[in-house]
Amino acid sequence: MIQRFIELGEGYSDLYELLAIAERSADRVQHFLALHTENGSSCAIILSPTITGSFQPIYLCREGIPNPHKKENGRFQLFKEAAASAGKPVIELDVKPSSQFAEKDLYYQYLIGILRLNHYLAPLQ
């Protein structure tokens, strides 16, 4: 199975695209994720794998939303409302910021490891 992050942007207007993807793919959404760092929060959705090709996308708006534990904000509230309307909880995790990694691919490998460890993603087959 191929599990890959698809970055929509850094969270300001891109969050609305993430919410539209979640709404259009409501039957495939497995998890709503909020990944908190000291720099900001990333909102993401994990979709179920495709039948053909076994591709599992993880759509992400990277660190563009203020951390709601430090400052309440309307964008994160929209994300929580979308999760509630889908009947899913928002899974909140504290992670390292992407700025601590030399390359974005290393950051995404780090996140995939965390998500597999917590059983939000299936292990490699």
N, C-alpha and C. Protein backbone atom coordinates (compact mmCIF):
# COMPACT_ATOMS: atom_id res chain seq x y z
N MET A 1 0.85 -1.18 0.00
CA MET A 1 0.00 0.00 0.00
C MET A 1 0.89 1.24 0.00
N ILE A 2 0.50 2.21 -0.78
CA ILE A 2 1.22 3.48 -0.84
C ILE A 2 0.45 4.49 0.00
N GLN A 3 1.11 5.05 0.99
CA GLN A 3 0.50 6.08 1.84
C GLN A 3 1.31 7.35 1.61
N ARG A 4 0.63 8.41 1.19
CA ARG A 4 1.37 9.62 0.83
C ARG A 4 0.62 10.86 1.28
N PHE A 5 1.41 11.83 1.77
CA PHE A 5 0.86 13.13 2.10
C PHE A 5 0.68 13.94 0.83
N ILE A 6 -0.44 14.62 0.73
CA ILE A 6 -0.70 15.55 -0.36
C ILE A 6 -0.91 16.90 0.30
N GLU A 7 0.08 17.77 0.17
CA GLU A 7 0.02 19.07 0.83
C GLU A 7 -0.76 20.04 -0.02
N LEU A 8 -1.81 20.59 0.56
CA LEU A 8 -2.66 21.56 -0.15
C LEU A 8 -2.11 22.97 -0.02
N GLY A 9 -1.33 23.21 0.99
CA GLY A 9 -0.78 24.54 1.23
C GLY A 9 -0.51 24.70 2.70
N GLU A 10 -0.42 25.93 3.14
CA GLU A 10 -0.06 26.17 4.53
C GLU A 10 -1.23 26.62 5.39
N GLY A 11 -2.43 26.29 4.97
CA GLY A 11 -3.54 26.33 5.89
C GLY A 11 -4.51 27.48 5.88
N TYR A 12 -4.19 28.62 5.32
CA TYR A 12 -5.14 29.72 5.42
C TYR A 12 -6.33 29.50 4.49
N SER A 13 -6.20 29.75 3.21
CA SER A 13 -7.33 29.51 2.31
C SER A 13 -7.41 28.04 1.92
N ASP A 14 -6.30 27.32 2.04
CA ASP A 14 -6.27 25.91 1.67
C ASP A 14 -7.14 25.04 2.58
N LEU A 15 -7.40 25.52 3.78
CA LEU A 15 -8.25 24.77 4.70
C LEU A 15 -9.64 24.56 4.09
N TYR A 16 -10.13 25.54 3.35
CA TYR A 16 -11.45 25.41 2.74
C TYR A 16 -11.45 24.31 1.68
N GLU A 17 -10.35 24.14 0.96
CA GLU A 17 -10.23 23.04 0.01
C GLU A 17 -10.21 21.70 0.74
N LEU A 18 -9.50 21.64 1.87
CA LEU A 18 -9.46 20.42 2.67
C LEU A 18 -10.87 20.05 3.14
N LEU A 19 -11.62 21.02 3.58
CA LEU A 19 -12.99 20.77 4.04
C LEU A 19 -13.88 20.31 2.89
N ALA A 20 -13.67 20.86 1.70
CA ALA A 20 -14.45 20.44 0.53
C ALA A 20 -14.10 19.00 0.15
N ILE A 21 -12.84 18.63 0.23
CA ILE A 21 -12.44 17.24 -0.05
C ILE A 21 -13.09 16.30 0.96
N ALA A 22 -13.08 16.69 2.22
CA ALA A 22 -13.70 15.86 3.26
C ALA A 22 -15.20 15.69 3.00
N GLU A 23 -15.85 16.75 2.58
CA GLU A 23 -17.29 16.67 2.31
C GLU A 23 -17.59 15.80 1.09
N ARG A 24 -16.82 16.00 0.02
CA ARG A 24 -17.05 15.22 -1.21
C ARG A 24 -16.69 13.75 -1.04
N SER A 25 -15.75 13.46 -0.15
CA SER A 25 -15.28 12.08 0.05
C SER A 25 -15.72 11.55 1.41
N ALA A 26 -16.87 11.96 1.87
CA ALA A 26 -17.33 11.61 3.22
C ALA A 26 -17.32 10.11 3.48
N ASP A 27 -17.61 9.31 2.47
CA ASP A 27 -17.64 7.86 2.65
C ASP A 27 -16.24 7.27 2.78
N ARG A 28 -15.20 8.01 2.38
CA ARG A 28 -13.83 7.50 2.44
C ARG A 28 -13.02 8.06 3.61
N VAL A 29 -13.50 9.10 4.29
CA VAL A 29 -12.72 9.71 5.36
C VAL A 29 -12.63 8.76 6.54
N GLN A 30 -11.38 8.44 6.91
CA GLN A 30 -11.15 7.58 8.07
C GLN A 30 -10.90 8.40 9.34
N HIS A 31 -10.07 9.46 9.20
CA HIS A 31 -9.68 10.24 10.38
C HIS A 31 -9.54 11.72 10.03
N PHE A 32 -9.86 12.56 11.00
CA PHE A 32 -9.55 13.98 10.97
C PHE A 32 -8.41 14.17 11.97
N LEU A 33 -7.31 14.78 11.53
CA LEU A 33 -6.14 14.96 12.38
C LEU A 33 -5.81 16.43 12.58
N ALA A 34 -5.39 16.76 13.78
CA ALA A 34 -4.81 18.07 14.08
C ALA A 34 -3.43 17.80 14.66
N LEU A 35 -2.40 18.24 13.96
CA LEU A 35 -1.02 18.02 14.37
C LEU A 35 -0.47 19.34 14.87
N HIS A 36 -0.29 19.45 16.19
CA HIS A 36 0.09 20.71 16.81
C HIS A 36 1.60 20.81 17.00
N THR A 37 2.14 21.98 16.69
CA THR A 37 3.55 22.30 16.96
C THR A 37 3.59 23.65 17.65
N GLU A 38 4.78 24.07 18.05
CA GLU A 38 4.87 25.41 18.64
C GLU A 38 4.71 26.49 17.57
N ASN A 39 4.94 26.14 16.29
CA ASN A 39 4.82 27.11 15.20
C ASN A 39 3.39 27.28 14.71
N GLY A 40 2.57 26.29 14.86
CA GLY A 40 1.21 26.31 14.36
C GLY A 40 0.67 24.90 14.29
N SER A 41 -0.52 24.78 13.77
CA SER A 41 -1.15 23.47 13.68
C SER A 41 -1.41 23.11 12.23
N SER A 42 -1.31 21.82 11.96
CA SER A 42 -1.65 21.27 10.64
C SER A 42 -2.96 20.54 10.77
N CYS A 43 -3.85 20.74 9.83
CA CYS A 43 -5.09 19.98 9.77
C CYS A 43 -4.96 18.99 8.62
N ALA A 44 -5.43 17.77 8.85
CA ALA A 44 -5.29 16.74 7.82
C ALA A 44 -6.48 15.79 7.88
N ILE A 45 -6.73 15.14 6.75
CA ILE A 45 -7.70 14.05 6.72
C ILE A 45 -7.02 12.84 6.08
N ILE A 46 -7.32 11.68 6.63
CA ILE A 46 -6.83 10.42 6.08
C ILE A 46 -8.01 9.74 5.40
N LEU A 47 -7.87 9.44 4.12
CA LEU A 47 -8.91 8.73 3.39
C LEU A 47 -8.59 7.24 3.37
N SER A 48 -9.61 6.43 3.20
CA SER A 48 -9.39 5.00 3.08
C SER A 48 -8.67 4.71 1.76
N PRO A 49 -7.94 3.62 1.68
CA PRO A 49 -7.19 3.31 0.45
C PRO A 49 -8.12 3.05 -0.74
N THR A 50 -7.60 3.36 -1.92
CA THR A 50 -8.35 3.06 -3.13
C THR A 50 -8.34 1.55 -3.34
N ILE A 51 -9.36 1.04 -3.99
CA ILE A 51 -9.43 -0.41 -4.25
C ILE A 51 -8.37 -0.78 -5.28
N THR A 52 -8.32 -0.02 -6.36
CA THR A 52 -7.33 -0.27 -7.38
C THR A 52 -6.07 0.53 -7.05
N GLY A 53 -4.97 -0.13 -6.94
CA GLY A 53 -3.70 0.54 -6.68
C GLY A 53 -3.32 0.68 -5.22
N SER A 54 -4.24 0.46 -4.32
CA SER A 54 -3.98 0.56 -2.88
C SER A 54 -3.25 1.85 -2.50
N PHE A 55 -3.78 2.97 -2.94
CA PHE A 55 -3.21 4.27 -2.62
C PHE A 55 -4.03 4.91 -1.52
N GLN A 56 -3.37 5.33 -0.43
CA GLN A 56 -4.06 5.98 0.69
C GLN A 56 -3.55 7.42 0.82
N PRO A 57 -4.37 8.39 0.42
CA PRO A 57 -3.94 9.78 0.53
C PRO A 57 -4.18 10.36 1.92
N ILE A 58 -3.27 11.25 2.30
CA ILE A 58 -3.42 12.02 3.53
C ILE A 58 -3.32 13.48 3.11
N TYR A 59 -4.45 14.16 3.05
CA TYR A 59 -4.48 15.56 2.63
C TYR A 59 -4.14 16.43 3.83
N LEU A 60 -3.27 17.42 3.63
CA LEU A 60 -2.73 18.18 4.74
C LEU A 60 -2.60 19.66 4.40
N CYS A 61 -2.96 20.50 5.37
CA CYS A 61 -2.64 21.93 5.34
C CYS A 61 -1.58 22.11 6.42
N ARG A 62 -0.34 22.36 6.01
CA ARG A 62 0.81 22.28 6.92
C ARG A 62 1.06 23.57 7.70
N GLU A 63 0.89 23.49 9.01
CA GLU A 63 1.31 24.48 10.01
C GLU A 63 0.88 25.91 9.73
N GLY A 64 -0.22 26.10 9.05
CA GLY A 64 -0.65 27.45 8.74
C GLY A 64 -1.73 27.99 9.64
N ILE A 65 -2.20 27.18 10.55
CA ILE A 65 -3.29 27.58 11.44
C ILE A 65 -2.70 27.78 12.83
N PRO A 66 -3.03 28.86 13.51
CA PRO A 66 -2.51 29.05 14.87
C PRO A 66 -2.91 27.87 15.78
N ASN A 67 -1.99 27.50 16.66
CA ASN A 67 -2.26 26.41 17.60
C ASN A 67 -3.45 26.80 18.46
N PRO A 68 -4.55 26.03 18.42
CA PRO A 68 -5.76 26.41 19.17
C PRO A 68 -5.59 26.33 20.68
N HIS A 69 -4.54 25.65 21.15
CA HIS A 69 -4.29 25.59 22.58
C HIS A 69 -3.62 26.87 23.07
N LYS A 70 -3.05 27.63 22.13
CA LYS A 70 -2.44 28.91 22.47
C LYS A 70 -3.35 30.08 22.12
N LYS A 71 -4.09 29.93 21.01
CA LYS A 71 -4.98 31.01 20.56
C LYS A 71 -6.15 30.39 19.81
N GLU A 72 -7.35 30.56 20.33
CA GLU A 72 -8.56 30.03 19.68
C GLU A 72 -8.74 30.74 18.34
N ASN A 73 -9.14 29.98 17.32
CA ASN A 73 -9.31 30.59 16.00
C ASN A 73 -10.45 29.94 15.24
N GLY A 74 -11.01 30.71 14.32
CA GLY A 74 -12.19 30.27 13.57
C GLY A 74 -11.91 29.15 12.60
N ARG A 75 -10.71 29.12 12.02
CA ARG A 75 -10.41 28.06 11.04
C ARG A 75 -10.38 26.69 11.70
N PHE A 76 -9.78 26.62 12.89
CA PHE A 76 -9.77 25.33 13.57
C PHE A 76 -11.18 24.93 13.99
N GLN A 77 -11.99 25.92 14.35
CA GLN A 77 -13.38 25.64 14.70
C GLN A 77 -14.13 25.07 13.50
N LEU A 78 -13.89 25.59 12.29
CA LEU A 78 -14.50 25.04 11.08
C LEU A 78 -14.09 23.58 10.87
N PHE A 79 -12.82 23.29 11.13
CA PHE A 79 -12.32 21.92 10.98
C PHE A 79 -13.02 21.00 11.98
N LYS A 80 -13.17 21.44 13.21
CA LYS A 80 -13.86 20.63 14.23
C LYS A 80 -15.33 20.41 13.85
N GLU A 81 -15.96 21.43 13.29
CA GLU A 81 -17.37 21.30 12.87
C GLU A 81 -17.51 20.31 11.72
N ALA A 82 -16.56 20.32 10.79
CA ALA A 82 -16.59 19.36 9.67
C ALA A 82 -16.43 17.94 10.19
N ALA A 83 -15.55 17.74 11.16
CA ALA A 83 -15.37 16.41 11.74
C ALA A 83 -16.65 15.97 12.46
N ALA A 84 -17.26 16.88 13.20
CA ALA A 84 -18.49 16.55 13.92
C ALA A 84 -19.61 16.19 12.96
N SER A 85 -19.73 16.93 11.85
CA SER A 85 -20.79 16.62 10.89
C SER A 85 -20.53 15.29 10.19
N ALA A 86 -19.27 14.87 10.11
CA ALA A 86 -18.94 13.57 9.53
C ALA A 86 -19.04 12.45 10.58
N GLY A 87 -19.29 12.82 11.83
CA GLY A 87 -19.39 11.83 12.90
C GLY A 87 -18.04 11.27 13.32
N LYS A 88 -16.98 12.05 13.15
CA LYS A 88 -15.62 11.61 13.50
C LYS A 88 -15.03 12.57 14.53
N PRO A 89 -14.22 12.05 15.44
CA PRO A 89 -13.52 12.95 16.36
C PRO A 89 -12.29 13.55 15.67
N VAL A 90 -11.83 14.67 16.17
CA VAL A 90 -10.56 15.23 15.71
C VAL A 90 -9.47 14.63 16.59
N ILE A 91 -8.56 13.91 15.97
CA ILE A 91 -7.44 13.31 16.70
C ILE A 91 -6.35 14.37 16.78
N GLU A 92 -5.98 14.75 17.98
CA GLU A 92 -4.99 15.80 18.18
C GLU A 92 -3.69 15.20 18.69
N LEU A 93 -2.60 15.51 17.99
CA LEU A 93 -1.28 15.01 18.37
C LEU A 93 -0.30 16.18 18.40
N ASP A 94 0.63 16.16 19.36
CA ASP A 94 1.72 17.14 19.39
C ASP A 94 2.90 16.53 18.66
N VAL A 95 3.43 17.24 17.67
CA VAL A 95 4.54 16.74 16.85
C VAL A 95 5.61 17.83 16.73
N LYS A 96 6.77 17.43 16.20
CA LYS A 96 7.83 18.39 15.93
C LYS A 96 7.44 19.23 14.72
N PRO A 97 7.90 20.48 14.66
CA PRO A 97 7.60 21.29 13.48
C PRO A 97 8.43 20.85 12.28
N SER A 98 7.92 21.12 11.10
CA SER A 98 8.62 20.72 9.88
C SER A 98 9.94 21.45 9.72
N SER A 99 10.10 22.59 10.36
CA SER A 99 11.34 23.36 10.25
C SER A 99 12.53 22.63 10.89
N GLN A 100 12.28 21.60 11.69
CA GLN A 100 13.37 20.84 12.30
C GLN A 100 13.90 19.74 11.38
N PHE A 101 13.36 19.64 10.18
CA PHE A 101 13.78 18.61 9.23
C PHE A 101 14.41 19.28 8.01
N ALA A 102 15.47 18.66 7.50
CA ALA A 102 16.19 19.22 6.36
C ALA A 102 15.35 19.21 5.09
N GLU A 103 14.47 18.23 4.97
CA GLU A 103 13.63 18.10 3.78
C GLU A 103 12.20 17.78 4.19
N LYS A 104 11.26 18.21 3.38
CA LYS A 104 9.85 17.92 3.66
C LYS A 104 9.57 16.43 3.66
N ASP A 105 10.23 15.67 2.77
CA ASP A 105 10.01 14.22 2.71
C ASP A 105 10.38 13.55 4.04
N LEU A 106 11.44 14.03 4.69
CA LEU A 106 11.82 13.47 5.99
C LEU A 106 10.75 13.78 7.04
N TYR A 107 10.18 14.97 6.97
CA TYR A 107 9.11 15.34 7.89
C TYR A 107 7.90 14.43 7.69
N TYR A 108 7.54 14.17 6.44
CA TYR A 108 6.39 13.32 6.17
C TYR A 108 6.65 11.87 6.58
N GLN A 109 7.88 11.40 6.44
CA GLN A 109 8.22 10.05 6.93
C GLN A 109 8.07 9.98 8.44
N TYR A 110 8.51 11.04 9.13
CA TYR A 110 8.35 11.13 10.58
C TYR A 110 6.87 11.05 10.97
N LEU A 111 6.02 11.82 10.27
CA LEU A 111 4.59 11.80 10.58
C LEU A 111 3.96 10.44 10.28
N ILE A 112 4.35 9.81 9.18
CA ILE A 112 3.81 8.48 8.86
C ILE A 112 4.19 7.49 9.95
N GLY A 113 5.41 7.58 10.46
CA GLY A 113 5.82 6.72 11.57
C GLY A 113 4.95 6.91 12.80
N ILE A 114 4.66 8.15 13.15
CA ILE A 114 3.80 8.44 14.30
C ILE A 114 2.39 7.90 14.07
N LEU A 115 1.86 8.11 12.86
CA LEU A 115 0.50 7.66 12.57
C LEU A 115 0.41 6.13 12.55
N ARG A 116 1.45 5.46 12.07
CA ARG A 116 1.45 3.99 12.10
C ARG A 116 1.58 3.48 13.53
N LEU A 117 2.44 4.11 14.30
CA LEU A 117 2.64 3.71 15.70
C LEU A 117 1.35 3.80 16.50
N ASN A 118 0.54 4.80 16.19
CA ASN A 118 -0.74 5.00 16.89
C ASN A 118 -1.91 4.31 16.19
N HIS A 119 -1.62 3.51 15.16
CA HIS A 119 -2.61 2.72 14.44
C HIS A 119 -3.65 3.56 13.71
N TYR A 120 -3.26 4.77 13.28
CA TYR A 120 -4.14 5.58 12.44
C TYR A 120 -3.88 5.28 10.96
N LEU A 121 -2.73 4.68 10.67
CA LEU A 121 -2.40 4.17 9.34
C LEU A 121 -2.02 2.71 9.47
N ALA A 122 -2.34 1.94 8.44
CA ALA A 122 -1.99 0.53 8.45
C ALA A 122 -0.47 0.37 8.30
N PRO A 123 0.11 -0.68 8.88
CA PRO A 123 1.54 -0.91 8.71
C PRO A 123 1.88 -1.30 7.28
N LEU A 124 3.16 -1.22 6.94
CA LEU A 124 3.60 -1.66 5.62
C LEU A 124 3.28 -3.13 5.43
N GLN A 125 2.97 -3.50 4.20
CA GLN A 125 2.62 -4.90 3.93
C GLN A 125 3.71 -5.58 3.14
